[in-house]
Amino acid sequence: MVSSGIVDRVRKEEGNERYEYFLPFDDEETVLLIDRWKNEEALDIHHKSEMMREIADLKNKYHLSMKVEKFKSMEEK
């Protein structure tokens, strides 16, 4: 994701506010991605972008699985 330039391109997308990876200390098989978008519309546009095909190709190439969880900020009402 990083070396292919996808991460930088996602971060430059309209509506992207955060796109960061984290590695747990006790689980070398897991990578946590935290991304935040201005609104659902921006996220929907991202999900329909060419980058999502590239991400899917990488996922298939490296036999990765994903689990998606949605969190709401405590500042949101």
N, C-alpha and C. Protein backbone atom coordinates (compact mmCIF):
# COMPACT_ATOMS: atom_id res chain seq x y z
N MET A 1 0.83 -1.19 0.00
CA MET A 1 0.00 0.00 0.00
C MET A 1 0.87 1.25 0.00
N VAL A 2 1.89 1.24 0.82
CA VAL A 2 2.76 2.42 0.92
C VAL A 2 3.65 2.52 -0.30
N SER A 3 4.37 1.44 -0.61
CA SER A 3 5.33 1.49 -1.72
C SER A 3 4.66 1.67 -3.08
N SER A 4 3.41 1.25 -3.20
CA SER A 4 2.70 1.41 -4.47
C SER A 4 2.17 2.83 -4.67
N GLY A 5 2.18 3.63 -3.58
CA GLY A 5 1.68 5.00 -3.67
C GLY A 5 0.20 5.14 -3.37
N ILE A 6 -0.47 4.03 -3.11
CA ILE A 6 -1.91 4.08 -2.86
C ILE A 6 -2.20 4.91 -1.61
N VAL A 7 -1.43 4.72 -0.56
CA VAL A 7 -1.68 5.44 0.69
C VAL A 7 -1.64 6.95 0.47
N ASP A 8 -0.62 7.43 -0.22
CA ASP A 8 -0.53 8.87 -0.49
C ASP A 8 -1.71 9.37 -1.31
N ARG A 9 -2.13 8.56 -2.28
CA ARG A 9 -3.26 8.97 -3.12
C ARG A 9 -4.55 9.02 -2.32
N VAL A 10 -4.76 8.04 -1.44
CA VAL A 10 -5.97 8.05 -0.60
C VAL A 10 -5.98 9.28 0.28
N ARG A 11 -4.83 9.58 0.89
CA ARG A 11 -4.74 10.74 1.79
C ARG A 11 -5.05 12.05 1.07
N LYS A 12 -4.84 12.10 -0.23
CA LYS A 12 -5.08 13.31 -1.01
C LYS A 12 -6.51 13.40 -1.54
N GLU A 13 -7.28 12.32 -1.36
CA GLU A 13 -8.65 12.33 -1.86
C GLU A 13 -9.49 13.38 -1.14
N GLU A 14 -10.40 13.98 -1.89
CA GLU A 14 -11.35 14.93 -1.32
C GLU A 14 -12.14 14.26 -0.21
N GLY A 15 -12.15 14.87 0.95
CA GLY A 15 -12.93 14.35 2.07
C GLY A 15 -12.17 13.44 3.02
N ASN A 16 -10.94 13.03 2.65
CA ASN A 16 -10.17 12.19 3.57
C ASN A 16 -9.56 13.06 4.66
N GLU A 17 -9.79 12.67 5.89
CA GLU A 17 -9.26 13.41 7.04
C GLU A 17 -8.18 12.65 7.79
N ARG A 18 -8.14 11.32 7.62
CA ARG A 18 -7.12 10.52 8.29
C ARG A 18 -7.03 9.17 7.60
N TYR A 19 -5.80 8.69 7.43
CA TYR A 19 -5.56 7.38 6.85
C TYR A 19 -4.22 6.90 7.38
N GLU A 20 -4.24 6.11 8.45
CA GLU A 20 -3.02 5.70 9.13
C GLU A 20 -3.05 4.22 9.49
N TYR A 21 -1.88 3.58 9.42
CA TYR A 21 -1.73 2.18 9.79
C TYR A 21 -1.03 2.07 11.14
N PHE A 22 -1.44 1.05 11.91
CA PHE A 22 -0.86 0.78 13.21
C PHE A 22 -0.58 -0.72 13.32
N LEU A 23 0.52 -1.06 13.98
CA LEU A 23 0.89 -2.46 14.18
C LEU A 23 0.82 -2.79 15.67
N PRO A 24 0.02 -3.79 16.06
CA PRO A 24 -0.04 -4.17 17.47
C PRO A 24 1.29 -4.77 17.93
N PHE A 25 1.64 -4.55 19.17
CA PHE A 25 2.87 -5.10 19.74
C PHE A 25 2.83 -6.62 19.81
N ASP A 26 1.67 -7.18 20.06
CA ASP A 26 1.57 -8.61 20.36
C ASP A 26 0.92 -9.45 19.25
N ASP A 27 0.80 -8.91 18.05
CA ASP A 27 0.18 -9.65 16.96
C ASP A 27 0.79 -9.23 15.64
N GLU A 28 1.80 -9.96 15.21
CA GLU A 28 2.49 -9.56 13.97
C GLU A 28 1.73 -9.91 12.70
N GLU A 29 0.58 -10.54 12.84
CA GLU A 29 -0.25 -10.89 11.69
C GLU A 29 -1.33 -9.84 11.41
N THR A 30 -1.41 -8.81 12.25
CA THR A 30 -2.50 -7.84 12.15
C THR A 30 -1.96 -6.45 11.86
N VAL A 31 -2.68 -5.73 11.02
CA VAL A 31 -2.43 -4.32 10.76
C VAL A 31 -3.77 -3.61 10.96
N LEU A 32 -3.74 -2.55 11.74
CA LEU A 32 -4.95 -1.77 11.99
C LEU A 32 -4.90 -0.52 11.12
N LEU A 33 -5.95 -0.30 10.35
CA LEU A 33 -6.08 0.92 9.56
C LEU A 33 -7.16 1.77 10.19
N ILE A 34 -6.82 3.01 10.48
CA ILE A 34 -7.82 3.97 10.93
C ILE A 34 -7.95 5.01 9.83
N ASP A 35 -9.14 5.08 9.26
CA ASP A 35 -9.39 6.12 8.27
C ASP A 35 -10.64 6.88 8.69
N ARG A 36 -10.62 8.16 8.40
CA ARG A 36 -11.74 9.04 8.74
C ARG A 36 -12.05 9.88 7.52
N TRP A 37 -13.34 10.03 7.26
CA TRP A 37 -13.80 10.77 6.09
C TRP A 37 -14.73 11.88 6.53
N LYS A 38 -14.75 12.94 5.76
CA LYS A 38 -15.58 14.11 6.07
C LYS A 38 -17.04 13.74 6.23
N ASN A 39 -17.51 12.83 5.37
CA ASN A 39 -18.91 12.40 5.41
C ASN A 39 -19.05 11.08 4.65
N GLU A 40 -20.23 10.51 4.72
CA GLU A 40 -20.49 9.22 4.05
C GLU A 40 -20.33 9.33 2.53
N GLU A 41 -20.68 10.48 1.98
CA GLU A 41 -20.55 10.67 0.53
C GLU A 41 -19.09 10.55 0.10
N ALA A 42 -18.19 11.17 0.84
CA ALA A 42 -16.76 11.08 0.51
C ALA A 42 -16.27 9.64 0.59
N LEU A 43 -16.72 8.92 1.60
CA LEU A 43 -16.34 7.51 1.74
C LEU A 43 -16.92 6.68 0.60
N ASP A 44 -18.15 6.94 0.22
CA ASP A 44 -18.76 6.22 -0.90
C ASP A 44 -17.99 6.45 -2.20
N ILE A 45 -17.57 7.68 -2.43
CA ILE A 45 -16.79 8.00 -3.63
C ILE A 45 -15.47 7.24 -3.61
N HIS A 46 -14.82 7.21 -2.44
CA HIS A 46 -13.57 6.46 -2.28
C HIS A 46 -13.79 4.99 -2.61
N HIS A 47 -14.88 4.41 -2.08
CA HIS A 47 -15.15 2.99 -2.30
C HIS A 47 -15.40 2.66 -3.78
N LYS A 48 -15.80 3.64 -4.57
CA LYS A 48 -16.04 3.43 -6.00
C LYS A 48 -14.83 3.79 -6.86
N SER A 49 -13.75 4.22 -6.23
CA SER A 49 -12.58 4.70 -6.97
C SER A 49 -11.74 3.55 -7.52
N GLU A 50 -10.88 3.88 -8.46
CA GLU A 50 -9.93 2.93 -9.04
C GLU A 50 -9.01 2.37 -7.96
N MET A 51 -8.71 3.16 -6.96
CA MET A 51 -7.82 2.70 -5.88
C MET A 51 -8.38 1.48 -5.17
N MET A 52 -9.69 1.39 -5.04
CA MET A 52 -10.28 0.24 -4.37
C MET A 52 -10.03 -1.04 -5.17
N ARG A 53 -9.99 -0.96 -6.48
CA ARG A 53 -9.64 -2.13 -7.29
C ARG A 53 -8.19 -2.51 -7.04
N GLU A 54 -7.31 -1.50 -6.97
CA GLU A 54 -5.90 -1.77 -6.70
C GLU A 54 -5.72 -2.39 -5.31
N ILE A 55 -6.46 -1.90 -4.33
CA ILE A 55 -6.40 -2.45 -2.98
C ILE A 55 -6.90 -3.90 -2.99
N ALA A 56 -7.98 -4.16 -3.70
CA ALA A 56 -8.51 -5.53 -3.80
C ALA A 56 -7.49 -6.46 -4.46
N ASP A 57 -6.81 -5.96 -5.49
CA ASP A 57 -5.78 -6.76 -6.16
C ASP A 57 -4.65 -7.13 -5.19
N LEU A 58 -4.22 -6.17 -4.37
CA LEU A 58 -3.18 -6.45 -3.38
C LEU A 58 -3.67 -7.44 -2.33
N LYS A 59 -4.91 -7.27 -1.91
CA LYS A 59 -5.51 -8.18 -0.93
C LYS A 59 -5.49 -9.61 -1.47
N ASN A 60 -5.88 -9.78 -2.73
CA ASN A 60 -5.88 -11.11 -3.34
C ASN A 60 -4.47 -11.64 -3.54
N LYS A 61 -3.57 -10.80 -3.97
CA LYS A 61 -2.18 -11.22 -4.22
C LYS A 61 -1.53 -11.77 -2.96
N TYR A 62 -1.78 -11.12 -1.83
CA TYR A 62 -1.13 -11.52 -0.57
C TYR A 62 -2.05 -12.35 0.34
N HIS A 63 -3.20 -12.76 -0.18
CA HIS A 63 -4.15 -13.62 0.56
C HIS A 63 -4.51 -13.02 1.92
N LEU A 64 -4.91 -11.77 1.90
CA LEU A 64 -5.25 -11.06 3.13
C LEU A 64 -6.74 -11.12 3.39
N SER A 65 -7.09 -11.09 4.65
CA SER A 65 -8.50 -11.00 5.02
C SER A 65 -8.71 -9.67 5.74
N MET A 66 -9.95 -9.21 5.71
CA MET A 66 -10.26 -7.92 6.33
C MET A 66 -11.44 -8.07 7.27
N LYS A 67 -11.41 -7.28 8.30
CA LYS A 67 -12.55 -7.14 9.20
C LYS A 67 -12.79 -5.64 9.32
N VAL A 68 -13.99 -5.20 9.04
CA VAL A 68 -14.32 -3.78 9.08
C VAL A 68 -15.20 -3.51 10.29
N GLU A 69 -14.81 -2.50 11.06
CA GLU A 69 -15.62 -2.05 12.18
C GLU A 69 -15.76 -0.54 12.06
N LYS A 70 -16.92 -0.04 12.37
CA LYS A 70 -17.18 1.39 12.28
C LYS A 70 -17.34 1.93 13.70
N PHE A 71 -16.60 2.98 13.98
CA PHE A 71 -16.66 3.61 15.29
C PHE A 71 -17.15 5.03 15.15
N LYS A 72 -17.80 5.51 16.15
CA LYS A 72 -18.32 6.88 16.18
C LYS A 72 -17.52 7.66 17.21
N SER A 73 -17.07 8.84 16.84
CA SER A 73 -16.33 9.69 17.74
C SER A 73 -17.20 10.11 18.93
N MET A 74 -16.62 10.22 20.08
CA MET A 74 -17.37 10.64 21.26
C MET A 74 -17.80 12.09 21.15
N GLU A 75 -17.15 12.88 20.28
CA GLU A 75 -17.55 14.27 20.08
C GLU A 75 -18.79 14.38 19.23
N GLU A 76 -19.09 13.34 18.42
CA GLU A 76 -20.27 13.36 17.56
C GLU A 76 -21.52 13.19 18.41
N LYS A 77 -22.59 13.82 17.97
CA LYS A 77 -23.86 13.70 18.70
C LYS A 77 -24.85 12.88 17.91
